[in-house]
Amino acid sequence: MTGEEFSGPPGPKLTRLVYFVGAAVACTVAINKWREFESKSIIQQQEKQPGVKVVAEITNSSDSVGVHKALK
């Protein structure tokens, strides 16, 4: 055996592809929700501190991984 699957009905391969794409979409949604949650948390913390300018920014580029924040 060469490590490749026997040719058969395309059903199992297509099902695995659909599961893989669905998992990728679910992970992307979860990551975006987490970033939104973290951003709101930082804004709330900054609002509680007097004299601190509220600046929270989330960029959509692949370079930025976290939430950028500016303090005093």
N, C-alpha and C. Protein backbone atom coordinates (compact mmCIF):
# COMPACT_ATOMS: atom_id res chain seq x y z
N MET A 1 0.85 -1.17 0.00
CA MET A 1 0.00 0.00 0.00
C MET A 1 0.90 1.24 0.00
N THR A 2 0.53 2.25 -0.76
CA THR A 2 1.35 3.45 -0.90
C THR A 2 0.95 4.56 0.06
N GLY A 3 -0.01 4.33 0.91
CA GLY A 3 -0.44 5.35 1.84
C GLY A 3 -1.64 6.12 1.34
N GLU A 4 -2.01 5.92 0.08
CA GLU A 4 -3.18 6.59 -0.44
C GLU A 4 -4.41 5.73 -0.20
N GLU A 5 -5.56 6.37 -0.20
CA GLU A 5 -6.78 5.63 0.03
C GLU A 5 -7.22 4.93 -1.24
N PHE A 6 -7.93 3.84 -1.06
CA PHE A 6 -8.50 3.16 -2.21
C PHE A 6 -9.57 4.05 -2.80
N SER A 7 -9.68 4.00 -4.13
CA SER A 7 -10.72 4.82 -4.75
C SER A 7 -12.07 4.17 -4.48
N GLY A 8 -12.95 4.93 -4.00
CA GLY A 8 -14.27 4.45 -3.67
C GLY A 8 -15.26 5.57 -3.86
N PRO A 9 -16.36 5.48 -3.21
CA PRO A 9 -17.34 6.57 -3.35
C PRO A 9 -16.79 7.86 -2.75
N PRO A 10 -17.09 8.99 -3.37
CA PRO A 10 -16.53 10.26 -2.88
C PRO A 10 -17.19 10.75 -1.59
N GLY A 11 -18.16 10.06 -1.10
CA GLY A 11 -18.88 10.49 0.09
C GLY A 11 -18.01 10.72 1.31
N PRO A 12 -17.20 9.74 1.74
CA PRO A 12 -16.39 9.95 2.94
C PRO A 12 -15.38 11.10 2.80
N LYS A 13 -14.78 11.24 1.62
CA LYS A 13 -13.82 12.33 1.42
C LYS A 13 -14.52 13.67 1.47
N LEU A 14 -15.68 13.75 0.84
CA LEU A 14 -16.43 15.00 0.83
C LEU A 14 -16.93 15.34 2.23
N THR A 15 -17.35 14.34 2.97
CA THR A 15 -17.80 14.56 4.35
C THR A 15 -16.67 15.10 5.21
N ARG A 16 -15.48 14.53 5.09
CA ARG A 16 -14.34 15.01 5.86
C ARG A 16 -13.99 16.45 5.48
N LEU A 17 -14.09 16.77 4.18
CA LEU A 17 -13.80 18.13 3.74
C LEU A 17 -14.80 19.12 4.34
N VAL A 18 -16.08 18.74 4.34
CA VAL A 18 -17.11 19.61 4.91
C VAL A 18 -16.87 19.79 6.41
N TYR A 19 -16.51 18.71 7.12
CA TYR A 19 -16.20 18.83 8.55
C TYR A 19 -15.01 19.75 8.78
N PHE A 20 -13.99 19.62 7.96
CA PHE A 20 -12.79 20.44 8.11
C PHE A 20 -13.12 21.91 7.90
N VAL A 21 -13.88 22.22 6.85
CA VAL A 21 -14.25 23.61 6.58
C VAL A 21 -15.14 24.14 7.70
N GLY A 22 -16.06 23.33 8.18
CA GLY A 22 -16.92 23.75 9.28
C GLY A 22 -16.13 24.03 10.54
N ALA A 23 -15.13 23.20 10.83
CA ALA A 23 -14.29 23.43 12.01
C ALA A 23 -13.49 24.72 11.86
N ALA A 24 -13.01 25.01 10.65
CA ALA A 24 -12.26 26.25 10.42
C ALA A 24 -13.16 27.47 10.64
N VAL A 25 -14.38 27.39 10.17
CA VAL A 25 -15.32 28.51 10.36
C VAL A 25 -15.63 28.69 11.84
N ALA A 26 -15.86 27.59 12.54
CA ALA A 26 -16.16 27.66 13.97
C ALA A 26 -14.99 28.27 14.75
N CYS A 27 -13.77 27.87 14.41
CA CYS A 27 -12.59 28.43 15.09
C CYS A 27 -12.44 29.92 14.81
N THR A 28 -12.68 30.33 13.57
CA THR A 28 -12.58 31.74 13.22
C THR A 28 -13.60 32.57 13.99
N VAL A 29 -14.82 32.08 14.08
CA VAL A 29 -15.86 32.80 14.83
C VAL A 29 -15.47 32.89 16.30
N ALA A 30 -14.94 31.80 16.86
CA ALA A 30 -14.55 31.79 18.27
C ALA A 30 -13.42 32.78 18.53
N ILE A 31 -12.45 32.84 17.64
CA ILE A 31 -11.32 33.78 17.80
C ILE A 31 -11.82 35.21 17.75
N ASN A 32 -12.71 35.51 16.81
CA ASN A 32 -13.24 36.88 16.70
C ASN A 32 -14.05 37.26 17.94
N LYS A 33 -14.84 36.33 18.47
CA LYS A 33 -15.61 36.60 19.68
C LYS A 33 -14.68 36.85 20.86
N TRP A 34 -13.59 36.08 20.96
CA TRP A 34 -12.63 36.25 22.05
C TRP A 34 -11.97 37.62 21.96
N ARG A 35 -11.59 38.03 20.77
CA ARG A 35 -10.97 39.36 20.60
C ARG A 35 -11.95 40.46 21.00
N GLU A 36 -13.21 40.30 20.62
CA GLU A 36 -14.24 41.28 20.99
C GLU A 36 -14.41 41.33 22.50
N PHE A 37 -14.42 40.17 23.14
CA PHE A 37 -14.55 40.09 24.59
C PHE A 37 -13.37 40.78 25.28
N GLU A 38 -12.16 40.50 24.82
CA GLU A 38 -10.97 41.11 25.41
C GLU A 38 -10.97 42.63 25.22
N SER A 39 -11.39 43.08 24.06
CA SER A 39 -11.44 44.51 23.78
C SER A 39 -12.42 45.20 24.73
N LYS A 40 -13.60 44.63 24.91
CA LYS A 40 -14.58 45.21 25.82
C LYS A 40 -14.06 45.21 27.25
N SER A 41 -13.35 44.17 27.63
CA SER A 41 -12.80 44.09 28.97
C SER A 41 -11.78 45.20 29.21
N ILE A 42 -10.93 45.44 28.24
CA ILE A 42 -9.91 46.48 28.37
C ILE A 42 -10.56 47.86 28.44
N ILE A 43 -11.59 48.07 27.63
CA ILE A 43 -12.28 49.36 27.64
C ILE A 43 -12.93 49.59 29.00
N GLN A 44 -13.55 48.56 29.56
CA GLN A 44 -14.19 48.70 30.86
C GLN A 44 -13.16 48.99 31.95
N GLN A 45 -11.99 48.36 31.89
CA GLN A 45 -10.95 48.62 32.88
C GLN A 45 -10.45 50.04 32.77
N GLN A 46 -10.32 50.54 31.54
CA GLN A 46 -9.84 51.90 31.35
C GLN A 46 -10.87 52.92 31.80
N GLU A 47 -12.15 52.61 31.64
CA GLU A 47 -13.19 53.55 32.08
C GLU A 47 -13.24 53.67 33.60
N LYS A 48 -12.85 52.63 34.30
CA LYS A 48 -12.87 52.65 35.76
C LYS A 48 -11.74 53.50 36.32
N GLN A 49 -10.64 53.64 35.58
CA GLN A 49 -9.49 54.41 36.06
C GLN A 49 -9.68 55.87 35.68
N PRO A 50 -9.68 56.77 36.66
CA PRO A 50 -9.86 58.20 36.34
C PRO A 50 -8.61 58.77 35.68
N GLY A 51 -8.82 59.66 34.74
CA GLY A 51 -7.71 60.34 34.09
C GLY A 51 -7.02 59.55 33.01
N VAL A 52 -7.58 58.44 32.60
CA VAL A 52 -6.96 57.63 31.55
C VAL A 52 -7.79 57.77 30.29
N LYS A 53 -7.13 58.10 29.22
CA LYS A 53 -7.81 58.23 27.94
C LYS A 53 -8.18 56.84 27.43
N VAL A 54 -9.41 56.64 27.01
CA VAL A 54 -9.89 55.33 26.57
C VAL A 54 -9.55 55.15 25.11
N VAL A 55 -8.60 54.24 24.86
CA VAL A 55 -8.22 53.92 23.49
C VAL A 55 -7.98 52.43 23.43
N ALA A 56 -8.80 51.72 22.70
CA ALA A 56 -8.59 50.29 22.46
C ALA A 56 -8.80 50.05 20.99
N GLU A 57 -7.89 49.34 20.40
CA GLU A 57 -7.94 49.17 18.96
C GLU A 57 -7.64 47.72 18.62
N ILE A 58 -8.45 47.16 17.75
CA ILE A 58 -8.18 45.82 17.22
C ILE A 58 -8.05 45.97 15.72
N THR A 59 -6.91 45.61 15.20
CA THR A 59 -6.73 45.67 13.76
C THR A 59 -6.99 44.30 13.17
N ASN A 60 -7.39 44.27 11.93
CA ASN A 60 -7.73 43.02 11.28
C ASN A 60 -6.58 42.42 10.49
N SER A 61 -5.41 43.04 10.55
CA SER A 61 -4.29 42.49 9.80
C SER A 61 -3.74 41.25 10.49
N SER A 62 -3.08 40.42 9.73
CA SER A 62 -2.53 39.19 10.29
C SER A 62 -1.30 39.48 11.14
N ASP A 63 -0.75 40.69 11.04
CA ASP A 63 0.42 41.04 11.83
C ASP A 63 0.08 41.20 13.30
N SER A 64 -1.10 41.73 13.58
CA SER A 64 -1.45 41.98 14.97
C SER A 64 -2.12 40.75 15.55
N VAL A 65 -1.67 40.36 16.70
CA VAL A 65 -2.22 39.17 17.34
C VAL A 65 -3.08 39.55 18.53
N GLY A 66 -2.74 40.63 19.18
CA GLY A 66 -3.47 41.00 20.39
C GLY A 66 -4.18 42.32 20.25
N VAL A 67 -4.60 42.79 21.36
CA VAL A 67 -5.29 44.07 21.41
C VAL A 67 -4.28 45.13 21.80
N HIS A 68 -4.21 46.18 21.01
CA HIS A 68 -3.29 47.27 21.30
C HIS A 68 -4.01 48.26 22.20
N LYS A 69 -3.34 48.69 23.21
CA LYS A 69 -3.98 49.64 24.10
C LYS A 69 -3.02 50.77 24.45
N ALA A 70 -3.58 51.91 24.69
CA ALA A 70 -2.77 53.08 25.05
C ALA A 70 -3.16 53.50 26.46
N LEU A 71 -2.20 53.68 27.27
CA LEU A 71 -2.41 54.16 28.64
C LEU A 71 -1.80 55.53 28.76
N LYS A 72 -2.20 56.26 29.76
CA LYS A 72 -1.72 57.61 30.09
C LYS A 72 -0.74 58.15 29.10
